[in-house]
Amino acid sequence: MSLAERFAVALAAEAAGEQDDGHLLPDRLARTAARVLPVDGAGLSVQFGTHGRCPLGASSADAGRAERLQFSVGTGPCLLALTTGHPQFLVPEDIERRWPVFADRLLAQTPYRGIVSLPVRHALAGTGTIDLFLVDPAAVARLDVFDAVAVGDLVSAALTDAAVWSTWSEAEGPDWLHSPPAVRRAAVWQAAALTSGTLDVGATDALALLRAHASAGDRSVDAVAAELVSGRLLPAEMAGHPGDS
């Protein structure tokens, strides 16, 4: 059975019994990628403007956490793959040398010790990446780059087909752009706008404040954003002025 055939069978198995209007497709594709490749996790994300990544789907809670860690520190393998346009094969020494803060958190909060980041072509060209996570760092060198890139193409093709065969507006985009992880990340942009307006700072500085507050508490930016949007945390408190409102 070819890789494409195995991918199709695995994707069909992931969809069995699941009823949704497309929002869960990215999660299914991430789980399928992790099933057909010799990896322990996978995550799919896209670049959101100039501010950072927006997750679309992940194969597991650990894979989703690894993506959030990259976003929270503002850098990582997926951004390198996107900017270079080339697959990145990274073992712990590479990760620690390039992104020491991210490496510390990845090693402490996930079982992953190796990452392969691929720019996704076709439908998400220039914006999409797929991260493949490995528990055994030695498995990074054993992963077939052609198979990994081929799976990335199959993921992109599935997203393209879903967009072609569904009805959506240009303003909102396909349903898979509104997956549960993407909706949760949207709270970050809402929190950044709230912080920007309240503290009279630019959007970039507002996001930097969210990241600094998250880093100080060893938390994700997504968690801090949720507190800001709900009102449990005030922008002034985050900026170090608890008496302001």
C-alpha atoms as a PDB file:
ATOM      1  CA  MET A   1       0.000   0.000   0.000  1.00  0.00           C
ATOM      2  CA  SER A   2       1.391   3.415  -0.980  1.00  0.00           C
ATOM      3  CA  LEU A   3       1.867   6.266   1.473  1.00  0.00           C
ATOM      4  CA  ALA A   4      -1.063   8.126  -0.078  1.00  0.00           C
ATOM      5  CA  GLU A   5      -3.280   5.059   0.294  1.00  0.00           C
ATOM      6  CA  ARG A   6      -2.239   4.550   3.917  1.00  0.00           C
ATOM      7  CA  PHE A   7      -2.938   8.241   4.576  1.00  0.00           C
ATOM      8  CA  ALA A   8      -6.420   7.955   3.041  1.00  0.00           C
ATOM      9  CA  VAL A   9      -7.249   4.855   5.077  1.00  0.00           C
ATOM     10  CA  ALA A  10      -5.978   6.421   8.310  1.00  0.00           C
ATOM     11  CA  LEU A  11      -7.874   9.669   7.672  1.00  0.00           C
ATOM     12  CA  ALA A  12     -11.089   7.752   7.032  1.00  0.00           C
ATOM     13  CA  ALA A  13     -10.575   5.840  10.290  1.00  0.00           C
ATOM     14  CA  GLU A  14     -10.047   9.105  12.186  1.00  0.00           C
ATOM     15  CA  ALA A  15     -13.286  10.516  10.744  1.00  0.00           C
ATOM     16  CA  ALA A  16     -15.376   7.443  11.568  1.00  0.00           C
ATOM     17  CA  GLY A  17     -18.198   8.331  13.921  1.00  0.00           C
ATOM     18  CA  GLU A  18     -17.196  12.000  14.074  1.00  0.00           C
ATOM     19  CA  GLN A  19     -19.833  14.509  12.976  1.00  0.00           C
ATOM     20  CA  ASP A  20     -18.746  18.106  12.379  1.00  0.00           C
ATOM     21  CA  ASP A  21     -18.898  20.779   9.704  1.00  0.00           C
ATOM     22  CA  GLY A  22     -15.161  20.931   9.063  1.00  0.00           C
ATOM     23  CA  HIS A  23     -13.895  22.521  12.247  1.00  0.00           C
ATOM     24  CA  LEU A  24     -12.300  19.265  13.428  1.00  0.00           C
ATOM     25  CA  LEU A  25     -10.553  18.439  10.152  1.00  0.00           C
ATOM     26  CA  PRO A  26      -7.146  19.895  11.220  1.00  0.00           C
ATOM     27  CA  ASP A  27      -7.083  17.702  14.339  1.00  0.00           C
ATOM     28  CA  ARG A  28      -7.929  14.647  12.247  1.00  0.00           C
ATOM     29  CA  LEU A  29      -5.195  15.490   9.752  1.00  0.00           C
ATOM     30  CA  ALA A  30      -2.634  15.930  12.547  1.00  0.00           C
ATOM     31  CA  ARG A  31      -3.593  12.562  14.068  1.00  0.00           C
ATOM     32  CA  THR A  32      -3.414  10.954  10.625  1.00  0.00           C
ATOM     33  CA  ALA A  33       0.069  12.363  10.020  1.00  0.00           C
ATOM     34  CA  ALA A  34       1.202  10.939  13.360  1.00  0.00           C
ATOM     35  CA  ARG A  35      -0.265   7.531  12.427  1.00  0.00           C
ATOM     36  CA  VAL A  36       1.319   7.137   8.994  1.00  0.00           C
ATOM     37  CA  LEU A  37       4.750   8.529   9.892  1.00  0.00           C
ATOM     38  CA  PRO A  38       7.086   7.080  12.558  1.00  0.00           C
ATOM     39  CA  VAL A  39       6.555  10.057  14.885  1.00  0.00           C
ATOM     40  CA  ASP A  40       4.976  10.561  18.304  1.00  0.00           C
ATOM     41  CA  GLY A  41       2.970  13.697  17.613  1.00  0.00           C
ATOM     42  CA  ALA A  42       2.068  16.259  14.992  1.00  0.00           C
ATOM     43  CA  GLY A  43       0.765  19.803  14.933  1.00  0.00           C
ATOM     44  CA  LEU A  44      -0.527  22.005  12.120  1.00  0.00           C
ATOM     45  CA  SER A  45      -0.388  25.807  12.282  1.00  0.00           C
ATOM     46  CA  VAL A  46      -0.501  28.929  10.119  1.00  0.00           C
ATOM     47  CA  GLN A  47       1.050  32.372  10.345  1.00  0.00           C
ATOM     48  CA  PHE A  48      -1.412  34.985  11.578  1.00  0.00           C
ATOM     49  CA  GLY A  49      -0.384  38.370  10.184  1.00  0.00           C
ATOM     50  CA  THR A  50       2.872  39.653  11.640  1.00  0.00           C
ATOM     51  CA  HIS A  51       2.195  38.648  15.221  1.00  0.00           C
ATOM     52  CA  GLY A  52       2.655  34.894  15.349  1.00  0.00           C
ATOM     53  CA  ARG A  53       1.244  31.450  14.811  1.00  0.00           C
ATOM     54  CA  CYS A  54      -2.326  30.273  14.902  1.00  0.00           C
ATOM     55  CA  PRO A  55      -2.765  26.559  15.647  1.00  0.00           C
ATOM     56  CA  LEU A  56      -5.160  24.620  13.452  1.00  0.00           C
ATOM     57  CA  GLY A  57      -4.879  21.141  14.907  1.00  0.00           C
ATOM     58  CA  ALA A  58      -2.777  18.736  16.942  1.00  0.00           C
ATOM     59  CA  SER A  59      -2.602  14.984  17.299  1.00  0.00           C
ATOM     60  CA  SER A  60      -2.580  15.034  21.109  1.00  0.00           C
ATOM     61  CA  ALA A  61      -2.547  17.271  24.164  1.00  0.00           C
ATOM     62  CA  ASP A  62       1.267  17.130  24.271  1.00  0.00           C
ATOM     63  CA  ALA A  63       1.520  18.166  20.616  1.00  0.00           C
ATOM     64  CA  GLY A  64      -0.831  21.075  21.244  1.00  0.00           C
ATOM     65  CA  ARG A  65       1.232  22.089  24.261  1.00  0.00           C
ATOM     66  CA  ALA A  66       4.442  22.071  22.205  1.00  0.00           C
ATOM     67  CA  GLU A  67       2.862  24.499  19.722  1.00  0.00           C
ATOM     68  CA  ARG A  68       1.679  26.799  22.513  1.00  0.00           C
ATOM     69  CA  LEU A  69       5.198  26.865  23.942  1.00  0.00           C
ATOM     70  CA  GLN A  70       6.576  28.088  20.610  1.00  0.00           C
ATOM     71  CA  PHE A  71       3.963  30.809  20.420  1.00  0.00           C
ATOM     72  CA  SER A  72       4.456  31.851  24.038  1.00  0.00           C
ATOM     73  CA  VAL A  73       8.186  32.452  23.596  1.00  0.00           C
ATOM     74  CA  GLY A  74       7.661  33.961  20.147  1.00  0.00           C
ATOM     75  CA  THR A  75      10.017  31.729  18.210  1.00  0.00           C
ATOM     76  CA  GLY A  76      10.849  28.117  17.456  1.00  0.00           C
ATOM     77  CA  PRO A  77      11.218  25.459  14.767  1.00  0.00           C
ATOM     78  CA  CYS A  78       7.978  26.184  12.907  1.00  0.00           C
ATOM     79  CA  LEU A  79       8.948  29.815  12.330  1.00  0.00           C
ATOM     80  CA  LEU A  80      12.397  28.752  11.088  1.00  0.00           C
ATOM     81  CA  ALA A  81      10.812  26.312   8.630  1.00  0.00           C
ATOM     82  CA  LEU A  82       8.448  29.015   7.416  1.00  0.00           C
ATOM     83  CA  THR A  83      11.090  31.712   6.933  1.00  0.00           C
ATOM     84  CA  THR A  84      13.651  29.426   5.268  1.00  0.00           C
ATOM     85  CA  GLY A  85      11.135  27.434   3.240  1.00  0.00           C
ATOM     86  CA  HIS A  86      13.037  24.233   4.084  1.00  0.00           C
ATOM     87  CA  PRO A  87      12.401  21.271   6.409  1.00  0.00           C
ATOM     88  CA  GLN A  88      14.152  21.548   9.765  1.00  0.00           C
ATOM     89  CA  PHE A  89      15.439  18.386  11.501  1.00  0.00           C
ATOM     90  CA  LEU A  90      16.270  19.224  15.096  1.00  0.00           C
ATOM     91  CA  VAL A  91      17.674  17.186  17.992  1.00  0.00           C
ATOM     92  CA  PRO A  92      17.890  18.503  21.573  1.00  0.00           C
ATOM     93  CA  GLU A  93      21.310  20.101  21.042  1.00  0.00           C
ATOM     94  CA  ASP A  94      19.969  22.090  18.075  1.00  0.00           C
ATOM     95  CA  ILE A  95      16.865  23.220  19.958  1.00  0.00           C
ATOM     96  CA  GLU A  96      18.849  24.228  23.047  1.00  0.00           C
ATOM     97  CA  ARG A  97      21.388  26.184  20.994  1.00  0.00           C
ATOM     98  CA  ARG A  98      18.833  28.077  18.896  1.00  0.00           C
ATOM     99  CA  TRP A  99      15.996  28.597  21.384  1.00  0.00           C
ATOM    100  CA  PRO A 100      17.183  27.995  24.972  1.00  0.00           C
ATOM    101  CA  VAL A 101      13.999  29.278  26.638  1.00  0.00           C
ATOM    102  CA  PHE A 102      11.765  27.192  24.392  1.00  0.00           C
ATOM    103  CA  ALA A 103      14.054  24.181  24.867  1.00  0.00           C
ATOM    104  CA  ASP A 104      13.851  24.407  28.662  1.00  0.00           C
ATOM    105  CA  ARG A 105      10.064  24.427  28.585  1.00  0.00           C
ATOM    106  CA  LEU A 106       9.758  21.769  25.897  1.00  0.00           C
ATOM    107  CA  LEU A 107      11.957  19.360  27.850  1.00  0.00           C
ATOM    108  CA  ALA A 108      10.172  20.111  31.127  1.00  0.00           C
ATOM    109  CA  GLN A 109       6.564  20.087  29.902  1.00  0.00           C
ATOM    110  CA  THR A 110       6.462  17.533  27.074  1.00  0.00           C
ATOM    111  CA  PRO A 111       8.010  14.113  26.386  1.00  0.00           C
ATOM    112  CA  TYR A 112       9.426  15.330  23.060  1.00  0.00           C
ATOM    113  CA  ARG A 113      13.165  15.464  22.428  1.00  0.00           C
ATOM    114  CA  GLY A 114      13.237  15.922  18.660  1.00  0.00           C
ATOM    115  CA  ILE A 115      11.268  18.054  16.200  1.00  0.00           C
ATOM    116  CA  VAL A 116      10.939  18.031  12.434  1.00  0.00           C
ATOM    117  CA  SER A 117       9.260  21.190  11.096  1.00  0.00           C
ATOM    118  CA  LEU A 118       8.065  21.340   7.503  1.00  0.00           C
ATOM    119  CA  PRO A 119       6.697  24.245   5.491  1.00  0.00           C
ATOM    120  CA  VAL A 120       3.353  23.177   4.037  1.00  0.00           C
ATOM    121  CA  ARG A 121       3.001  23.719   0.315  1.00  0.00           C
ATOM    122  CA  HIS A 122       0.047  24.380  -1.984  1.00  0.00           C
ATOM    123  CA  ALA A 123      -3.040  25.553  -0.016  1.00  0.00           C
ATOM    124  CA  LEU A 124      -1.012  26.926   2.900  1.00  0.00           C
ATOM    125  CA  ALA A 125       2.153  27.870   0.994  1.00  0.00           C
ATOM    126  CA  GLY A 126       3.990  30.711   2.710  1.00  0.00           C
ATOM    127  CA  THR A 127       1.913  30.487   5.880  1.00  0.00           C
ATOM    128  CA  GLY A 128       1.474  26.862   6.959  1.00  0.00           C
ATOM    129  CA  THR A 129       3.800  24.502   8.782  1.00  0.00           C
ATOM    130  CA  ILE A 130       3.490  21.019  10.197  1.00  0.00           C
ATOM    131  CA  ASP A 131       5.560  20.047  13.229  1.00  0.00           C
ATOM    132  CA  LEU A 132       6.423  16.392  13.804  1.00  0.00           C
ATOM    133  CA  PHE A 133       7.414  15.553  17.375  1.00  0.00           C
ATOM    134  CA  LEU A 134       9.596  12.639  18.490  1.00  0.00           C
ATOM    135  CA  VAL A 135      10.278  11.243  21.942  1.00  0.00           C
ATOM    136  CA  ASP A 136      13.527   9.567  20.840  1.00  0.00           C
ATOM    137  CA  PRO A 137      15.956  12.152  19.417  1.00  0.00           C
ATOM    138  CA  ALA A 138      17.682   9.427  17.392  1.00  0.00           C
ATOM    139  CA  ALA A 139      14.446   9.002  15.429  1.00  0.00           C
ATOM    140  CA  VAL A 140      14.934  12.443  13.863  1.00  0.00           C
ATOM    141  CA  ALA A 141      17.711  11.157  11.605  1.00  0.00           C
ATOM    142  CA  ARG A 142      15.685   8.069  10.694  1.00  0.00           C
ATOM    143  CA  LEU A 143      12.662  10.000   9.472  1.00  0.00           C
ATOM    144  CA  ASP A 144      12.433   9.927   5.678  1.00  0.00           C
ATOM    145  CA  VAL A 145      12.303  13.558   4.494  1.00  0.00           C
ATOM    146  CA  PHE A 146      10.470  12.603   1.291  1.00  0.00           C
ATOM    147  CA  ASP A 147       7.760  10.766   3.220  1.00  0.00           C
ATOM    148  CA  ALA A 148       7.417  13.684   5.632  1.00  0.00           C
ATOM    149  CA  VAL A 149       7.103  16.228   2.805  1.00  0.00           C
ATOM    150  CA  ALA A 150       4.638  13.956   1.005  1.00  0.00           C
ATOM    151  CA  VAL A 151       2.442  13.797   4.105  1.00  0.00           C
ATOM    152  CA  GLY A 152       2.582  17.581   4.315  1.00  0.00           C
ATOM    153  CA  ASP A 153       1.325  17.717   0.715  1.00  0.00           C
ATOM    154  CA  LEU A 154      -1.478  15.268   1.532  1.00  0.00           C
ATOM    155  CA  VAL A 155      -2.517  17.417   4.500  1.00  0.00           C
ATOM    156  CA  SER A 156      -2.558  20.502   2.288  1.00  0.00           C
ATOM    157  CA  ALA A 157      -4.543  18.680  -0.400  1.00  0.00           C
ATOM    158  CA  ALA A 158      -7.159  17.593   2.150  1.00  0.00           C
ATOM    159  CA  LEU A 159      -7.579  21.181   3.344  1.00  0.00           C
ATOM    160  CA  THR A 160      -7.861  22.385  -0.255  1.00  0.00           C
ATOM    161  CA  ASP A 161     -10.512  19.775  -1.075  1.00  0.00           C
ATOM    162  CA  ALA A 162     -12.483  20.725   2.037  1.00  0.00           C
ATOM    163  CA  ALA A 163     -12.426  24.379   0.985  1.00  0.00           C
ATOM    164  CA  VAL A 164     -13.429  23.601  -2.601  1.00  0.00           C
ATOM    165  CA  TRP A 165     -16.364  21.374  -1.656  1.00  0.00           C
ATOM    166  CA  SER A 166     -17.842  23.606   1.037  1.00  0.00           C
ATOM    167  CA  THR A 167     -19.538  26.998   1.132  1.00  0.00           C
ATOM    168  CA  TRP A 168     -17.746  29.829   2.918  1.00  0.00           C
ATOM    169  CA  SER A 169     -17.257  33.569   2.709  1.00  0.00           C
ATOM    170  CA  GLU A 170     -13.964  35.234   1.875  1.00  0.00           C
ATOM    171  CA  ALA A 171     -14.158  37.214   5.107  1.00  0.00           C
ATOM    172  CA  GLU A 172     -14.480  34.142   7.334  1.00  0.00           C
ATOM    173  CA  GLY A 173     -12.571  31.553   5.325  1.00  0.00           C
ATOM    174  CA  PRO A 174     -13.146  27.768   5.316  1.00  0.00           C
ATOM    175  CA  ASP A 175     -14.528  26.044   8.402  1.00  0.00           C
ATOM    176  CA  TRP A 176     -11.148  24.483   9.188  1.00  0.00           C
ATOM    177  CA  LEU A 177      -9.765  27.977   9.858  1.00  0.00           C
ATOM    178  CA  HIS A 178     -12.114  28.033  12.859  1.00  0.00           C
ATOM    179  CA  SER A 179     -10.962  24.836  14.535  1.00  0.00           C
ATOM    180  CA  PRO A 180     -11.115  24.723  18.359  1.00  0.00           C
ATOM    181  CA  PRO A 181      -7.372  25.535  18.750  1.00  0.00           C
ATOM    182  CA  ALA A 182      -7.730  28.464  16.333  1.00  0.00           C
ATOM    183  CA  VAL A 183     -10.733  29.809  18.229  1.00  0.00           C
ATOM    184  CA  ARG A 184      -8.794  29.626  21.497  1.00  0.00           C
ATOM    185  CA  ARG A 185      -5.858  31.472  19.910  1.00  0.00           C
ATOM    186  CA  ALA A 186      -8.236  34.182  18.688  1.00  0.00           C
ATOM    187  CA  ALA A 187      -8.605  35.209  22.342  1.00  0.00           C
ATOM    188  CA  VAL A 188      -4.946  36.292  22.224  1.00  0.00           C
ATOM    189  CA  TRP A 189      -5.663  38.867  19.522  1.00  0.00           C
ATOM    190  CA  GLN A 190      -8.678  40.065  21.493  1.00  0.00           C
ATOM    191  CA  ALA A 191      -6.561  40.340  24.645  1.00  0.00           C
ATOM    192  CA  ALA A 192      -3.792  42.158  22.772  1.00  0.00           C
ATOM    193  CA  ALA A 193      -6.321  44.672  21.411  1.00  0.00           C
ATOM    194  CA  LEU A 194      -7.731  45.186  24.913  1.00  0.00           C
ATOM    195  CA  THR A 195      -4.246  45.704  26.330  1.00  0.00           C
ATOM    196  CA  SER A 196      -3.294  48.047  23.502  1.00  0.00           C
ATOM    197  CA  GLY A 197      -6.345  50.247  24.020  1.00  0.00           C
ATOM    198  CA  THR A 198      -6.186  50.265  27.822  1.00  0.00           C
ATOM    199  CA  LEU A 199      -2.468  50.969  28.162  1.00  0.00           C
ATOM    200  CA  ASP A 200      -2.131  53.064  24.984  1.00  0.00           C
ATOM    201  CA  VAL A 201       0.607  50.898  23.490  1.00  0.00           C
ATOM    202  CA  GLY A 202       1.028  49.410  20.033  1.00  0.00           C
ATOM    203  CA  ALA A 203      -0.190  45.942  19.139  1.00  0.00           C
ATOM    204  CA  THR A 204       3.350  44.544  19.075  1.00  0.00           C
ATOM    205  CA  ASP A 205       4.103  45.934  22.541  1.00  0.00           C
ATOM    206  CA  ALA A 206       0.787  44.620  23.842  1.00  0.00           C
ATOM    207  CA  LEU A 207       1.599  41.109  22.655  1.00  0.00           C
ATOM    208  CA  ALA A 208       5.070  41.441  24.197  1.00  0.00           C
ATOM    209  CA  LEU A 209       3.432  42.286  27.535  1.00  0.00           C
ATOM    210  CA  LEU A 210       1.258  39.160  27.303  1.00  0.00           C
ATOM    211  CA  ARG A 211       4.329  37.043  26.562  1.00  0.00           C
ATOM    212  CA  ALA A 212       6.325  38.591  29.405  1.00  0.00           C
ATOM    213  CA  HIS A 213       3.490  38.005  31.879  1.00  0.00           C
ATOM    214  CA  ALA A 214       3.113  34.423  30.691  1.00  0.00           C
ATOM    215  CA  SER A 215       6.858  33.827  30.960  1.00  0.00           C
ATOM    216  CA  ALA A 216       7.005  35.219  34.498  1.00  0.00           C
ATOM    217  CA  GLY A 217       4.351  32.745  35.605  1.00  0.00           C
ATOM    218  CA  ASP A 218       5.640  29.873  33.433  1.00  0.00           C
ATOM    219  CA  ARG A 219       2.304  29.805  31.641  1.00  0.00           C
ATOM    220  CA  SER A 220       1.115  29.971  28.058  1.00  0.00           C
ATOM    221  CA  VAL A 221       0.087  33.203  26.359  1.00  0.00           C
ATOM    222  CA  ASP A 222      -3.254  31.537  25.590  1.00  0.00           C
ATOM    223  CA  ALA A 223      -3.953  31.090  29.321  1.00  0.00           C
ATOM    224  CA  VAL A 224      -3.067  34.711  30.120  1.00  0.00           C
ATOM    225  CA  ALA A 225      -5.229  35.929  27.226  1.00  0.00           C
ATOM    226  CA  ALA A 226      -8.213  33.951  28.499  1.00  0.00           C
ATOM    227  CA  GLU A 227      -7.909  35.674  31.879  1.00  0.00           C
ATOM    228  CA  LEU A 228      -7.704  39.114  30.265  1.00  0.00           C
ATOM    229  CA  VAL A 229     -10.736  38.518  28.064  1.00  0.00           C
ATOM    230  CA  SER A 230     -12.767  37.187  31.005  1.00  0.00           C
ATOM    231  CA  GLY A 231     -11.774  40.131  33.226  1.00  0.00           C
ATOM    232  CA  ARG A 232     -10.003  37.979  35.823  1.00  0.00           C
ATOM    233  CA  LEU A 233      -6.807  39.832  34.918  1.00  0.00           C
ATOM    234  CA  LEU A 234      -6.609  43.538  34.083  1.00  0.00           C
ATOM    235  CA  PRO A 235      -4.103  44.988  31.605  1.00  0.00           C
ATOM    236  CA  ALA A 236      -2.844  47.375  34.281  1.00  0.00           C
ATOM    237  CA  GLU A 237      -2.160  44.470  36.632  1.00  0.00           C
ATOM    238  CA  MET A 238      -0.240  42.712  33.905  1.00  0.00           C
ATOM    239  CA  ALA A 239       1.831  45.844  33.344  1.00  0.00           C
ATOM    240  CA  GLY A 240       2.715  46.025  37.024  1.00  0.00           C
ATOM    241  CA  HIS A 241       0.216  48.656  38.135  1.00  0.00           C
ATOM    242  CA  PRO A 242      -2.356  46.757  40.251  1.00  0.00           C
ATOM    243  CA  GLY A 243      -3.981  49.955  41.505  1.00  0.00           C
ATOM    244  CA  ASP A 244      -4.929  51.148  38.022  1.00  0.00           C
ATOM    245  CA  SER A 245      -8.141  50.262  36.216  1.00  0.00           C
END
